[in-house]
Amino acid sequence: LVMFHWGINNQTFINGGTPGGTAGFGANGPGKKPQLFVH
């Protein structure tokens, strides 16, 4: 048996997205465009 599980969790209008920004600033903003990761 082989198993693979991926996705995102906990995205809000202010956090959960691309790291490195602050609220309302940055290229995407900290709540936008989260990256899928392996569970």
Full PDB file with SEQRES, HELIX, SHEET, SSBOND, CRYST1, ORIGX, SCALE, CONECT and MASTER records, all heavy atoms in Angstrom:
SEQRES   1 A   39  LEU VAL MET PHE HIS TRP GLY ILE ASN ASN GLN THR PHE          
SEQRES   2 A   39  ILE ASN GLY GLY THR PRO GLY GLY THR ALA GLY PHE GLY          
SEQRES   3 A   39  ALA ASN GLY PRO GLY LYS LYS PRO GLN LEU PHE VAL HIS          
CRYST1    1.000    1.000    1.000  90.00  90.00  90.00 P 1           1          
ORIGX1      1.000000  0.000000  0.000000        0.00000                         
ORIGX2      0.000000  1.000000  0.000000        0.00000                         
ORIGX3      0.000000  0.000000  1.000000        0.00000                         
SCALE1      1.000000  0.000000  0.000000        0.00000                         
SCALE2      0.000000  1.000000  0.000000        0.00000                         
SCALE3      0.000000  0.000000  1.000000        0.00000                         
ATOM      1  N   LEU A   1       0.853  -1.188   0.000  1.00  0.00           N  
ATOM      2  CA  LEU A   1       0.000   0.000   0.000  1.00  0.00           C  
ATOM      3  C   LEU A   1       0.888   1.238   0.000  1.00  0.00           C  
ATOM      4  O   LEU A   1       1.891   1.296   0.729  1.00  0.00           O  
ATOM      5  CB  LEU A   1      -0.917   0.006   1.217  1.00  0.00           C  
ATOM      6  CG  LEU A   1      -1.954   1.134   1.293  1.00  0.00           C  
ATOM      7  CD1 LEU A   1      -3.268   0.620   1.888  1.00  0.00           C  
ATOM      8  CD2 LEU A   1      -1.442   2.312   2.136  1.00  0.00           C  
ATOM      9  N   VAL A   2       0.523   2.221  -0.823  1.00  0.00           N  
ATOM     10  CA  VAL A   2       1.257   3.478  -0.863  1.00  0.00           C  
ATOM     11  C   VAL A   2       0.269   4.614  -0.602  1.00  0.00           C  
ATOM     12  O   VAL A   2      -0.877   4.568  -1.042  1.00  0.00           O  
ATOM     13  CB  VAL A   2       1.982   3.675  -2.213  1.00  0.00           C  
ATOM     14  CG1 VAL A   2       1.002   3.724  -3.376  1.00  0.00           C  
ATOM     15  CG2 VAL A   2       2.869   4.922  -2.173  1.00  0.00           C  
ATOM     16  N   MET A   3       0.706   5.632   0.140  1.00  0.00           N  
ATOM     17  CA  MET A   3      -0.182   6.690   0.612  1.00  0.00           C  
ATOM     18  C   MET A   3       0.449   8.056   0.365  1.00  0.00           C  
ATOM     19  O   MET A   3       1.646   8.253   0.609  1.00  0.00           O  
ATOM     20  CB  MET A   3      -0.431   6.492   2.116  1.00  0.00           C  
ATOM     21  CG  MET A   3      -1.028   7.669   2.820  1.00  0.00           C  
ATOM     22  SD  MET A   3      -2.727   7.930   2.363  1.00  0.00           S  
ATOM     23  CE  MET A   3      -3.396   8.550   3.879  1.00  0.00           C  
ATOM     24  N   PHE A   4      -0.375   9.007  -0.111  1.00  0.00           N  
ATOM     25  CA  PHE A   4       0.085  10.377  -0.306  1.00  0.00           C  
ATOM     26  C   PHE A   4      -1.065  11.325   0.015  1.00  0.00           C  
ATOM     27  O   PHE A   4      -2.183  11.135  -0.464  1.00  0.00           O  
ATOM     28  CB  PHE A   4       0.569  10.594  -1.739  1.00  0.00           C  
ATOM     29  CG  PHE A   4       1.297  11.893  -1.945  1.00  0.00           C  
ATOM     30  CD1 PHE A   4       2.433  12.182  -1.216  1.00  0.00           C  
ATOM     31  CD2 PHE A   4       0.839  12.820  -2.870  1.00  0.00           C  
ATOM     32  CE1 PHE A   4       3.114  13.381  -1.397  1.00  0.00           C  
ATOM     33  CE2 PHE A   4       1.511  14.019  -3.056  1.00  0.00           C  
ATOM     34  CZ  PHE A   4       2.652  14.304  -2.329  1.00  0.00           C  
ATOM     35  N   HIS A   5      -0.793  12.346   0.829  1.00  0.00           N  
ATOM     36  CA  HIS A   5      -1.828  13.247   1.356  1.00  0.00           C  
ATOM     37  C   HIS A   5      -1.232  14.652   1.420  1.00  0.00           C  
ATOM     38  O   HIS A   5      -0.185  14.855   2.027  1.00  0.00           O  
ATOM     39  CB  HIS A   5      -2.239  12.729   2.747  1.00  0.00           C  
ATOM     40  CG  HIS A   5      -3.177  13.605   3.501  1.00  0.00           C  
ATOM     41  ND1 HIS A   5      -3.387  13.461   4.862  1.00  0.00           N  
ATOM     42  CD2 HIS A   5      -3.971  14.638   3.137  1.00  0.00           C  
ATOM     43  CE1 HIS A   5      -4.254  14.340   5.277  1.00  0.00           C  
ATOM     44  NE2 HIS A   5      -4.623  15.082   4.252  1.00  0.00           N  
ATOM     45  N   TRP A   6      -1.883  15.607   0.765  1.00  0.00           N  
ATOM     46  CA  TRP A   6      -1.346  16.951   0.721  1.00  0.00           C  
ATOM     47  C   TRP A   6      -2.474  17.981   0.769  1.00  0.00           C  
ATOM     48  O   TRP A   6      -3.637  17.658   0.607  1.00  0.00           O  
ATOM     49  CB  TRP A   6      -0.502  17.151  -0.536  1.00  0.00           C  
ATOM     50  CG  TRP A   6      -1.263  17.139  -1.841  1.00  0.00           C  
ATOM     51  CD1 TRP A   6      -1.637  18.199  -2.604  1.00  0.00           C  
ATOM     52  CD2 TRP A   6      -1.743  15.980  -2.543  1.00  0.00           C  
ATOM     53  NE1 TRP A   6      -2.313  17.792  -3.723  1.00  0.00           N  
ATOM     54  CE2 TRP A   6      -2.392  16.430  -3.721  1.00  0.00           C  
ATOM     55  CE3 TRP A   6      -1.683  14.600  -2.297  1.00  0.00           C  
ATOM     56  CZ2 TRP A   6      -2.995  15.565  -4.629  1.00  0.00           C  
ATOM     57  CZ3 TRP A   6      -2.280  13.737  -3.216  1.00  0.00           C  
ATOM     58  CH2 TRP A   6      -2.913  14.223  -4.360  1.00  0.00           C  
ATOM     59  N   GLY A   7      -2.107  19.242   1.041  1.00  0.00           N  
ATOM     60  CA  GLY A   7      -3.126  20.278   1.107  1.00  0.00           C  
ATOM     61  C   GLY A   7      -2.664  21.463   1.920  1.00  0.00           C  
ATOM     62  O   GLY A   7      -1.462  21.668   2.141  1.00  0.00           O  
ATOM     63  N   ILE A   8      -3.641  22.280   2.389  1.00  0.00           N  
ATOM     64  CA  ILE A   8      -3.342  23.435   3.223  1.00  0.00           C  
ATOM     65  C   ILE A   8      -4.274  23.430   4.429  1.00  0.00           C  
ATOM     66  O   ILE A   8      -5.301  22.742   4.438  1.00  0.00           O  
ATOM     67  CB  ILE A   8      -3.493  24.775   2.463  1.00  0.00           C  
ATOM     68  CG1 ILE A   8      -4.966  25.012   2.074  1.00  0.00           C  
ATOM     69  CG2 ILE A   8      -2.594  24.825   1.256  1.00  0.00           C  
ATOM     70  CD1 ILE A   8      -5.254  26.413   1.593  1.00  0.00           C  
ATOM     71  N   ASN A   9      -3.933  24.229   5.426  1.00  0.00           N  
ATOM     72  CA  ASN A   9      -4.744  24.387   6.626  1.00  0.00           C  
ATOM     73  C   ASN A   9      -4.687  25.840   7.077  1.00  0.00           C  
ATOM     74  O   ASN A   9      -3.701  26.544   6.841  1.00  0.00           O  
ATOM     75  CB  ASN A   9      -4.218  23.515   7.777  1.00  0.00           C  
ATOM     76  CG  ASN A   9      -4.032  22.079   7.374  1.00  0.00           C  
ATOM     77  OD1 ASN A   9      -4.964  21.299   7.352  1.00  0.00           O  
ATOM     78  ND2 ASN A   9      -2.795  21.716   7.050  1.00  0.00           N  
ATOM     79  N   ASN A  10      -5.772  26.292   7.703  1.00  0.00           N  
ATOM     80  CA  ASN A  10      -5.746  27.528   8.495  1.00  0.00           C  
ATOM     81  C   ASN A  10      -5.370  28.776   7.696  1.00  0.00           C  
ATOM     82  O   ASN A  10      -4.455  29.510   8.058  1.00  0.00           O  
ATOM     83  CB  ASN A  10      -4.796  27.374   9.684  1.00  0.00           C  
ATOM     84  CG  ASN A  10      -5.208  26.243  10.601  1.00  0.00           C  
ATOM     85  OD1 ASN A  10      -6.386  25.920  10.704  1.00  0.00           O  
ATOM     86  ND2 ASN A  10      -4.248  25.631  11.269  1.00  0.00           N  
ATOM     87  N   GLN A  11      -6.108  29.027   6.621  1.00  0.00           N  
ATOM     88  CA  GLN A  11      -5.911  30.270   5.884  1.00  0.00           C  
ATOM     89  C   GLN A  11      -7.027  31.255   6.227  1.00  0.00           C  
ATOM     90  O   GLN A  11      -8.212  30.933   6.103  1.00  0.00           O  
ATOM     91  CB  GLN A  11      -5.891  30.040   4.374  1.00  0.00           C  
ATOM     92  CG  GLN A  11      -5.569  31.316   3.599  1.00  0.00           C  
ATOM     93  CD  GLN A  11      -5.726  31.177   2.103  1.00  0.00           C  
ATOM     94  OE1 GLN A  11      -6.304  30.202   1.629  1.00  0.00           O  
ATOM     95  NE2 GLN A  11      -5.226  32.141   1.358  1.00  0.00           N  
ATOM     96  N   THR A  12      -6.644  32.453   6.674  1.00  0.00           N  
ATOM     97  CA  THR A  12      -7.595  33.505   6.989  1.00  0.00           C  
ATOM     98  C   THR A  12      -7.327  34.712   6.084  1.00  0.00           C  
ATOM     99  O   THR A  12      -6.423  34.689   5.247  1.00  0.00           O  
ATOM    100  CB  THR A  12      -7.475  33.949   8.457  1.00  0.00           C  
ATOM    101  OG1 THR A  12      -6.286  34.736   8.616  1.00  0.00           O  
ATOM    102  CG2 THR A  12      -7.424  32.752   9.387  1.00  0.00           C  
ATOM    103  N   PHE A  13      -8.070  35.778   6.314  1.00  0.00           N  
ATOM    104  CA  PHE A  13      -7.859  36.993   5.533  1.00  0.00           C  
ATOM    105  C   PHE A  13      -6.571  37.707   5.905  1.00  0.00           C  
ATOM    106  O   PHE A  13      -6.142  38.640   5.212  1.00  0.00           O  
ATOM    107  CB  PHE A  13      -9.047  37.960   5.706  1.00  0.00           C  
ATOM    108  CG  PHE A  13      -9.155  38.585   7.067  1.00  0.00           C  
ATOM    109  CD1 PHE A  13      -8.578  39.819   7.338  1.00  0.00           C  
ATOM    110  CD2 PHE A  13      -9.844  37.944   8.088  1.00  0.00           C  
ATOM    111  CE1 PHE A  13      -8.682  40.393   8.595  1.00  0.00           C  
ATOM    112  CE2 PHE A  13      -9.954  38.519   9.341  1.00  0.00           C  
ATOM    113  CZ  PHE A  13      -9.370  39.741   9.602  1.00  0.00           C  
ATOM    114  N   ILE A  14      -5.919  37.255   6.972  1.00  0.00           N  
ATOM    115  CA  ILE A  14      -4.727  37.953   7.451  1.00  0.00           C  
ATOM    116  C   ILE A  14      -3.504  37.051   7.581  1.00  0.00           C  
ATOM    117  O   ILE A  14      -2.384  37.537   7.657  1.00  0.00           O  
ATOM    118  CB  ILE A  14      -5.024  38.636   8.810  1.00  0.00           C  
ATOM    119  CG1 ILE A  14      -3.973  39.700   9.141  1.00  0.00           C  
ATOM    120  CG2 ILE A  14      -5.112  37.620   9.941  1.00  0.00           C  
ATOM    121  CD1 ILE A  14      -4.301  40.511  10.366  1.00  0.00           C  
ATOM    122  N   ASN A  15      -3.688  35.742   7.623  1.00  0.00           N  
ATOM    123  CA  ASN A  15      -2.531  34.861   7.784  1.00  0.00           C  
ATOM    124  C   ASN A  15      -2.784  33.509   7.132  1.00  0.00           C  
ATOM    125  O   ASN A  15      -3.873  33.223   6.647  1.00  0.00           O  
ATOM    126  CB  ASN A  15      -2.166  34.691   9.264  1.00  0.00           C  
ATOM    127  CG  ASN A  15      -3.344  34.251  10.104  1.00  0.00           C  
ATOM    128  OD1 ASN A  15      -4.178  33.469   9.672  1.00  0.00           O  
ATOM    129  ND2 ASN A  15      -3.419  34.759  11.329  1.00  0.00           N  
ATOM    130  N   GLY A  16      -1.739  32.685   7.130  1.00  0.00           N  
ATOM    131  CA  GLY A  16      -1.827  31.354   6.548  1.00  0.00           C  
ATOM    132  C   GLY A  16      -1.302  31.261   5.139  1.00  0.00           C  
ATOM    133  O   GLY A  16      -1.254  30.187   4.553  1.00  0.00           O  
ATOM    134  N   GLY A  17      -0.900  32.410   4.567  1.00  0.00           N  
ATOM    135  CA  GLY A  17      -0.440  32.421   3.181  1.00  0.00           C  
ATOM    136  C   GLY A  17       1.060  32.534   3.061  1.00  0.00           C  
ATOM    137  O   GLY A  17       1.816  32.020   3.877  1.00  0.00           O  
ATOM    138  N   THR A  18       1.494  33.250   2.053  1.00  0.00           N  
ATOM    139  CA  THR A  18       2.911  33.390   1.781  1.00  0.00           C  
ATOM    140  C   THR A  18       3.631  34.023   2.964  1.00  0.00           C  
ATOM    141  O   THR A  18       3.202  35.074   3.443  1.00  0.00           O  
ATOM    142  CB  THR A  18       3.128  34.253   0.525  1.00  0.00           C  
ATOM    143  OG1 THR A  18       2.435  33.652  -0.566  1.00  0.00           O  
ATOM    144  CG2 THR A  18       4.602  34.370   0.182  1.00  0.00           C  
ATOM    145  N   PRO A  19       4.703  33.411   3.453  1.00  0.00           N  
ATOM    146  CA  PRO A  19       5.399  33.971   4.615  1.00  0.00           C  
ATOM    147  C   PRO A  19       6.204  35.218   4.259  1.00  0.00           C  
ATOM    148  O   PRO A  19       6.492  35.486   3.100  1.00  0.00           O  
ATOM    149  CB  PRO A  19       6.315  32.824   5.047  1.00  0.00           C  
ATOM    150  CG  PRO A  19       6.581  32.071   3.778  1.00  0.00           C  
ATOM    151  CD  PRO A  19       5.299  32.160   2.986  1.00  0.00           C  
ATOM    152  N   GLY A  20       6.563  35.976   5.272  1.00  0.00           N  
ATOM    153  CA  GLY A  20       7.494  37.085   5.085  1.00  0.00           C  
ATOM    154  C   GLY A  20       6.861  38.450   5.017  1.00  0.00           C  
ATOM    155  O   GLY A  20       7.552  39.461   5.058  1.00  0.00           O  
ATOM    156  N   GLY A  21       5.530  38.545   4.927  1.00  0.00           N  
ATOM    157  CA  GLY A  21       4.879  39.850   4.835  1.00  0.00           C  
ATOM    158  C   GLY A  21       4.292  40.272   6.163  1.00  0.00           C  
ATOM    159  O   GLY A  21       4.358  39.570   7.157  1.00  0.00           O  
ATOM    160  N   THR A  22       3.742  41.472   6.179  1.00  0.00           N  
ATOM    161  CA  THR A  22       2.968  41.945   7.312  1.00  0.00           C  
ATOM    162  C   THR A  22       1.591  42.328   6.813  1.00  0.00           C  
ATOM    163  O   THR A  22       1.378  42.468   5.616  1.00  0.00           O  
ATOM    164  CB  THR A  22       3.641  43.158   7.979  1.00  0.00           C  
ATOM    165  OG1 THR A  22       3.794  44.194   7.007  1.00  0.00           O  
ATOM    166  CG2 THR A  22       4.998  42.786   8.542  1.00  0.00           C  
ATOM    167  N   ALA A  23       0.650  42.476   7.719  1.00  0.00           N  
ATOM    168  CA  ALA A  23      -0.733  42.708   7.323  1.00  0.00           C  
ATOM    169  C   ALA A  23      -0.846  43.905   6.384  1.00  0.00           C  
ATOM    170  O   ALA A  23      -0.459  45.016   6.725  1.00  0.00           O  
ATOM    171  CB  ALA A  23      -1.594  42.928   8.566  1.00  0.00           C  
ATOM    172  N   GLY A  24      -1.388  43.685   5.190  1.00  0.00           N  
ATOM    173  CA  GLY A  24      -1.623  44.756   4.239  1.00  0.00           C  
ATOM    174  C   GLY A  24      -0.416  45.127   3.400  1.00  0.00           C  
ATOM    175  O   GLY A  24      -0.502  46.031   2.569  1.00  0.00           O  
ATOM    176  N   PHE A  25       0.727  44.455   3.595  1.00  0.00           N  
ATOM    177  CA  PHE A  25       1.932  44.812   2.869  1.00  0.00           C  
ATOM    178  C   PHE A  25       2.543  43.565   2.225  1.00  0.00           C  
ATOM    179  O   PHE A  25       2.065  42.454   2.379  1.00  0.00           O  
ATOM    180  CB  PHE A  25       2.956  45.479   3.804  1.00  0.00           C  
ATOM    181  CG  PHE A  25       2.452  46.754   4.413  1.00  0.00           C  
ATOM    182  CD1 PHE A  25       1.881  46.745   5.680  1.00  0.00           C  
ATOM    183  CD2 PHE A  25       2.521  47.950   3.727  1.00  0.00           C  
ATOM    184  CE1 PHE A  25       1.406  47.909   6.250  1.00  0.00           C  
ATOM    185  CE2 PHE A  25       2.046  49.118   4.288  1.00  0.00           C  
ATOM    186  CZ  PHE A  25       1.491  49.113   5.555  1.00  0.00           C  
ATOM    187  N   GLY A  26       3.614  43.786   1.469  1.00  0.00           N  
ATOM    188  CA  GLY A  26       4.296  42.674   0.832  1.00  0.00           C  
ATOM    189  C   GLY A  26       3.722  42.394  -0.545  1.00  0.00           C  
ATOM    190  O   GLY A  26       2.673  42.910  -0.935  1.00  0.00           O  
ATOM    191  N   ALA A  27       4.414  41.551  -1.307  1.00  0.00           N  
ATOM    192  CA  ALA A  27       4.014  41.265  -2.685  1.00  0.00           C  
ATOM    193  C   ALA A  27       2.639  40.613  -2.751  1.00  0.00           C  
ATOM    194  O   ALA A  27       1.838  40.913  -3.634  1.00  0.00           O  
ATOM    195  CB  ALA A  27       5.060  40.375  -3.341  1.00  0.00           C  
ATOM    196  N   ASN A  28       2.369  39.718  -1.832  1.00  0.00           N  
ATOM    197  CA  ASN A  28       1.094  39.013  -1.837  1.00  0.00           C  
ATOM    198  C   ASN A  28       0.274  39.278  -0.584  1.00  0.00           C  
ATOM    199  O   ASN A  28      -0.947  39.174  -0.599  1.00  0.00           O  
ATOM    200  CB  ASN A  28       1.313  37.497  -1.958  1.00  0.00           C  
ATOM    201  CG  ASN A  28       2.000  37.116  -3.255  1.00  0.00           C  
ATOM    202  OD1 ASN A  28       1.612  37.569  -4.315  1.00  0.00           O  
ATOM    203  ND2 ASN A  28       3.030  36.290  -3.156  1.00  0.00           N  
ATOM    204  N   GLY A  29       0.928  39.621   0.503  1.00  0.00           N  
ATOM    205  CA  GLY A  29       0.227  39.746   1.778  1.00  0.00           C  
ATOM    206  C   GLY A  29       0.260  38.426   2.508  1.00  0.00           C  
ATOM    207  O   GLY A  29       0.250  37.351   1.887  1.00  0.00           O  
ATOM    208  N   PRO A  30       0.303  38.436   3.833  1.00  0.00           N  
ATOM    209  CA  PRO A  30       0.491  37.202   4.603  1.00  0.00           C  
ATOM    210  C   PRO A  30      -0.698  36.259   4.588  1.00  0.00           C  
ATOM    211  O   PRO A  30      -0.587  35.136   5.041  1.00  0.00           O  
ATOM    212  CB  PRO A  30       0.764  37.719   6.021  1.00  0.00           C  
ATOM    213  CG  PRO A  30       0.081  39.044   6.059  1.00  0.00           C  
ATOM    214  CD  PRO A  30       0.230  39.626   4.685  1.00  0.00           C  
ATOM    215  N   GLY A  31      -1.855  36.694   4.078  1.00  0.00           N  
ATOM    216  CA  GLY A  31      -3.007  35.805   4.031  1.00  0.00           C  
ATOM    217  C   GLY A  31      -3.248  35.181   2.671  1.00  0.00           C  
ATOM    218  O   GLY A  31      -4.168  34.392   2.517  1.00  0.00           O  
ATOM    219  N   LYS A  32      -2.414  35.510   1.672  1.00  0.00           N  
ATOM    220  CA  LYS A  32      -2.679  35.091   0.300  1.00  0.00           C  
ATOM    221  C   LYS A  32      -1.741  33.995  -0.173  1.00  0.00           C  
ATOM    222  O   LYS A  32      -0.606  33.878   0.269  1.00  0.00           O  
ATOM    223  CB  LYS A  32      -2.554  36.281  -0.652  1.00  0.00           C  
ATOM    224  CG  LYS A  32      -3.495  37.432  -0.360  1.00  0.00           C  
ATOM    225  CD  LYS A  32      -3.202  38.606  -1.298  1.00  0.00           C  
ATOM    226  CE  LYS A  32      -4.013  39.831  -0.929  1.00  0.00           C  
ATOM    227  NZ  LYS A  32      -3.627  40.997  -1.759  1.00  0.00           N  
ATOM    228  N   LYS A  33      -2.227  33.193  -1.101  1.00  0.00           N  
ATOM    229  CA  LYS A  33      -1.452  32.203  -1.844  1.00  0.00           C  
ATOM    230  C   LYS A  33      -0.666  31.240  -0.961  1.00  0.00           C  
ATOM    231  O   LYS A  33       0.573  31.172  -1.016  1.00  0.00           O  
ATOM    232  CB  LYS A  33      -0.523  32.905  -2.838  1.00  0.00           C  
ATOM    233  CG  LYS A  33      -1.275  33.759  -3.859  1.00  0.00           C  
ATOM    234  CD  LYS A  33      -0.348  34.439  -4.840  1.00  0.00           C  
ATOM    235  CE  LYS A  33      -1.145  35.298  -5.818  1.00  0.00           C  
ATOM    236  NZ  LYS A  33      -0.262  36.022  -6.770  1.00  0.00           N  
ATOM    237  N   PRO A  34      -1.348  30.498  -0.116  1.00  0.00           N  
ATOM    238  CA  PRO A  34      -0.629  29.508   0.708  1.00  0.00           C  
ATOM    239  C   PRO A  34      -0.027  28.417  -0.160  1.00  0.00           C  
ATOM    240  O   PRO A  34      -0.533  28.115  -1.243  1.00  0.00           O  
ATOM    241  CB  PRO A  34      -1.732  28.954   1.614  1.00  0.00           C  
ATOM    242  CG  PRO A  34      -2.990  29.140   0.822  1.00  0.00           C  
ATOM    243  CD  PRO A  34      -2.802  30.436   0.077  1.00  0.00           C  
ATOM    244  N   GLN A  35       1.029  27.828   0.319  1.00  0.00           N  
ATOM    245  CA  GLN A  35       1.694  26.764  -0.420  1.00  0.00           C  
ATOM    246  C   GLN A  35       1.214  25.407   0.070  1.00  0.00           C  
ATOM    247  O   GLN A  35       1.155  25.157   1.269  1.00  0.00           O  
ATOM    248  CB  GLN A  35       3.211  26.868  -0.260  1.00  0.00           C  
ATOM    249  CG  GLN A  35       3.801  28.119  -0.883  1.00  0.00           C  
ATOM    250  CD  GLN A  35       5.310  28.165  -0.776  1.00  0.00           C  
ATOM    251  OE1 GLN A  35       5.922  27.281  -0.164  1.00  0.00           O  
ATOM    252  NE2 GLN A  35       5.923  29.170  -1.367  1.00  0.00           N  
ATOM    253  N   LEU A  36       0.872  24.527  -0.879  1.00  0.00           N  
ATOM    254  CA  LEU A  36       0.511  23.159  -0.521  1.00  0.00           C  
ATOM    255  C   LEU A  36       1.705  22.469   0.123  1.00  0.00           C  
ATOM    256  O   LEU A  36       2.853  22.704  -0.261  1.00  0.00           O  
ATOM    257  CB  LEU A  36       0.093  22.374  -1.759  1.00  0.00           C  
ATOM    258  CG  LEU A  36      -1.124  22.877  -2.545  1.00  0.00           C  
ATOM    259  CD1 LEU A  36      -1.299  22.049  -3.814  1.00  0.00           C  
ATOM    260  CD2 LEU A  36      -2.381  22.792  -1.701  1.00  0.00           C  
ATOM    261  N   PHE A  37       1.434  21.611   1.118  1.00  0.00           N  
ATOM    262  CA  PHE A  37       2.523  20.838   1.697  1.00  0.00           C  
ATOM    263  C   PHE A  37       2.056  19.408   1.957  1.00  0.00           C  
ATOM    264  O   PHE A  37       0.862  19.124   2.017  1.00  0.00           O  
ATOM    265  CB  PHE A  37       3.050  21.486   2.990  1.00  0.00           C  
ATOM    266  CG  PHE A  37       2.123  21.396   4.170  1.00  0.00           C  
ATOM    267  CD1 PHE A  37       2.206  20.337   5.063  1.00  0.00           C  
ATOM    268  CD2 PHE A  37       1.167  22.375   4.392  1.00  0.00           C  
ATOM    269  CE1 PHE A  37       1.359  20.258   6.157  1.00  0.00           C  
ATOM    270  CE2 PHE A  37       0.320  22.312   5.487  1.00  0.00           C  
ATOM    271  CZ  PHE A  37       0.419  21.249   6.371  1.00  0.00           C  
ATOM    272  N   VAL A  38       3.019  18.526   2.111  1.00  0.00           N  
ATOM    273  CA  VAL A  38       2.749  17.100   2.285  1.00  0.00           C  
ATOM    274  C   VAL A  38       2.341  16.831   3.728  1.00  0.00           C  
ATOM    275  O   VAL A  38       3.025  17.242   4.670  1.00  0.00           O  
ATOM    276  CB  VAL A  38       3.979  16.258   1.910  1.00  0.00           C  
ATOM    277  CG1 VAL A  38       3.731  14.782   2.214  1.00  0.00           C  
ATOM    278  CG2 VAL A  38       4.325  16.451   0.444  1.00  0.00           C  
ATOM    279  N   HIS A  39       1.221  16.143   3.907  1.00  0.00           N  
ATOM    280  CA  HIS A  39       0.795  15.690   5.223  1.00  0.00           C  
ATOM    281  C   HIS A  39       1.270  14.258   5.478  1.00  0.00           C  
ATOM    282  O   HIS A  39       1.804  13.964   6.543  1.00  0.00           O  
ATOM    283  CB  HIS A  39      -0.733  15.751   5.334  1.00  0.00           C  
ATOM    284  CG  HIS A  39      -1.288  17.136   5.410  1.00  0.00           C  
ATOM    285  ND1 HIS A  39      -1.198  18.033   4.373  1.00  0.00           N  
ATOM    286  CD2 HIS A  39      -1.942  17.784   6.405  1.00  0.00           C  
ATOM    287  CE1 HIS A  39      -1.779  19.172   4.725  1.00  0.00           C  
ATOM    288  NE2 HIS A  39      -2.231  19.054   5.949  1.00  0.00           N  
TER     289      HIS A  39                                                      
MASTER        0    0    0    0    0    0    0    6  288    1    0    3          
END                                                                             
